Structures are given as structure tokens and as C-alpha cells.
Amino acid sequence: MIVLEDLNVSGMVKNRKLARVISQQGWYEFRVLCEAKSEKLGREFRVISRWEPTSQVCADCGFKWGKLDLSIRSLLCLNCGTQQDRDLNAARNIQKVGIGHCHDSLQGAETE
């Protein structure tokens, strides 16, 4: 299974600091190629909503810490103490949501 996050690329390119880099990455073409390849090989392809808080939730325990500045690259969960890379944490959350786990079901760990 291939799971991608639907990003607001048109909104992201409005950021002057990131616009050129984002435009050069070819994210739309990457998505089209992944979709075609998965169809050709009989794999499932899913895209999760851009509104999923994938970078705001601990992938280990489900604790939600909220929005973080993009300059913060490493995270230390206040609930479980796990230190992790921001992008790897988001990738793990994208995978979980893509296979059917929702963040709401993980939020119980936040209050325990």
C-alpha cells in the first residue's frame, strides 16, 4: 500500500522562502507516478486529508502537542518521553491514518 498526504501545495508556494524549492520538487508529478505505479502493480493507493494533524501528534502514544514552528526538527514527547525526528513522526502518522487508524482513537493515551 502507498499512502500520501494531500498537501496544500498552492498555499505552500505563497511562502516566499519555500516557493522555489517547493515548485522544483514536482510533488504533483510524484503523486501521479505513485498512483500509476500502484495501479500497474495491483497495489492499493490512498491519499489522506491535509487536515490530519500528522506532525502534531506523537506516533508512539497519540499525545497531541499542537502546531510547531517549521524550524523545530526534533521532538520530545511530553507524555511518553520518546525523542523523534519531526518528519519521521509525521510519516508514521500518515501510515497509521492511511491504514485506517484515526488520531481520535489514539488521543485516549493523552489523558491516561
Protein backbone atom coordinates (compact mmCIF):
# COMPACT_ATOMS: atom_id res chain seq x y z
CA MET A 1 0.00 0.00 0.00
CA ILE A 2 1.17 3.52 -0.77
CA VAL A 3 -0.18 6.33 1.41
CA LEU A 4 0.41 10.00 0.67
CA GLU A 5 -0.75 13.13 2.44
CA ASP A 6 -2.75 15.61 0.36
CA LEU A 7 -0.73 18.80 0.76
CA ASN A 8 -1.88 22.33 0.00
CA VAL A 9 0.95 22.97 -2.43
CA SER A 10 -0.62 26.12 -3.89
CA GLY A 11 -0.80 27.58 -0.38
CA MET A 12 2.74 26.46 0.44
CA VAL A 13 4.27 28.21 -2.59
CA LYS A 14 2.93 31.51 -1.27
CA ASN A 15 5.68 31.33 1.34
CA ARG A 16 8.49 33.33 -0.32
CA LYS A 17 11.20 31.38 1.50
CA LEU A 18 9.91 27.99 0.32
CA ALA A 19 8.24 28.76 -3.02
CA ARG A 20 11.16 27.96 -5.34
CA VAL A 21 12.16 24.78 -3.52
CA ILE A 22 8.59 23.50 -3.39
CA SER A 23 7.98 24.30 -7.05
CA GLN A 24 11.11 22.43 -8.10
CA GLN A 25 10.21 19.28 -6.20
CA GLY A 26 7.45 18.18 -8.57
CA TRP A 27 5.15 16.86 -5.83
CA TYR A 28 2.14 16.57 -8.13
CA GLU A 29 4.13 14.54 -10.66
CA PHE A 30 5.36 12.30 -7.84
CA ARG A 31 1.77 11.65 -6.75
CA VAL A 32 0.67 10.85 -10.32
CA LEU A 33 3.60 8.44 -10.78
CA CYS A 34 2.91 6.70 -7.46
CA GLU A 35 -0.75 6.29 -8.34
CA ALA A 36 0.05 4.90 -11.81
CA LYS A 37 2.72 2.54 -10.47
CA SER A 38 0.47 1.19 -7.72
CA GLU A 39 -2.34 0.62 -10.23
CA LYS A 40 0.03 -1.17 -12.62
CA LEU A 41 1.32 -3.44 -9.83
CA GLY A 42 -2.10 -4.02 -8.27
CA ARG A 43 -1.27 -2.13 -5.07
CA GLU A 44 -3.62 -0.01 -3.05
CA PHE A 45 -3.07 3.76 -3.23
CA ARG A 46 -4.54 6.12 -0.64
CA VAL A 47 -4.35 9.84 0.00
CA ILE A 48 -5.16 11.15 3.46
CA SER A 49 -6.64 14.56 4.18
CA ARG A 50 -4.37 17.56 4.52
CA TRP A 51 -6.23 18.36 7.73
CA GLU A 52 -4.93 15.31 9.59
CA PRO A 53 -2.60 16.56 12.36
CA THR A 54 0.24 14.24 11.30
CA SER A 55 3.02 16.48 12.61
CA GLN A 56 1.14 17.45 15.77
CA VAL A 57 0.64 14.00 17.32
CA CYS A 58 3.14 11.56 18.84
CA ALA A 59 3.18 8.44 16.65
CA ASP A 60 4.02 6.30 19.68
CA CYS A 61 1.41 7.29 22.28
CA GLY A 62 -1.02 9.63 20.47
CA PHE A 63 -0.30 12.67 22.65
CA LYS A 64 -1.20 15.87 20.78
CA TRP A 65 1.24 18.72 21.30
CA GLY A 66 -0.27 21.09 18.72
CA LYS A 67 1.26 23.21 15.98
CA LEU A 68 5.01 23.66 15.94
CA ASP A 69 7.23 26.08 14.07
CA LEU A 70 8.87 24.51 10.99
CA SER A 71 12.29 25.25 12.47
CA ILE A 72 11.66 22.59 15.15
CA ARG A 73 13.02 19.39 13.60
CA SER A 74 13.30 17.08 16.61
CA LEU A 75 10.54 16.34 19.11
CA LEU A 76 10.46 15.07 22.66
CA CYS A 77 7.01 13.79 23.62
CA LEU A 78 5.92 15.19 26.98
CA ASN A 79 3.71 12.16 27.57
CA CYS A 80 5.89 9.13 26.75
CA GLY A 81 9.35 10.71 26.60
CA THR A 82 10.11 9.48 23.07
CA GLN A 83 12.56 11.63 21.11
CA GLN A 84 11.97 11.54 17.37
CA ASP A 85 12.54 13.35 14.11
CA ARG A 86 9.58 15.53 13.15
CA ASP A 87 9.34 14.17 9.59
CA LEU A 88 9.68 10.51 10.62
CA ASN A 89 6.98 11.01 13.25
CA ALA A 90 4.67 12.55 10.62
CA ALA A 91 5.41 9.70 8.20
CA ARG A 92 4.47 7.13 10.82
CA ASN A 93 1.22 9.02 11.47
CA ILE A 94 0.45 9.19 7.74
CA GLN A 95 0.89 5.42 7.55
CA LYS A 96 -1.38 4.86 10.57
CA VAL A 97 -4.15 7.08 9.20
CA GLY A 98 -3.77 5.52 5.75
CA ILE A 99 -4.35 2.01 7.05
CA GLY A 100 -7.40 3.08 9.00
CA HIS A 101 -6.27 4.22 12.42
CA CYS A 102 -7.56 7.69 13.20
CA HIS A 103 -5.89 10.14 15.53
CA ASP A 104 -9.05 10.41 17.63
CA SER A 105 -8.64 6.79 18.73
CA LEU A 106 -5.04 7.50 19.75
CA GLN A 107 -5.99 10.52 21.84
CA GLY A 108 -7.00 8.37 24.81
CA ALA A 109 -3.32 7.96 25.65
CA GLU A 110 -3.15 11.71 26.15
CA THR A 111 -5.34 11.65 29.26
CA GLU A 112 -4.16 8.36 30.79
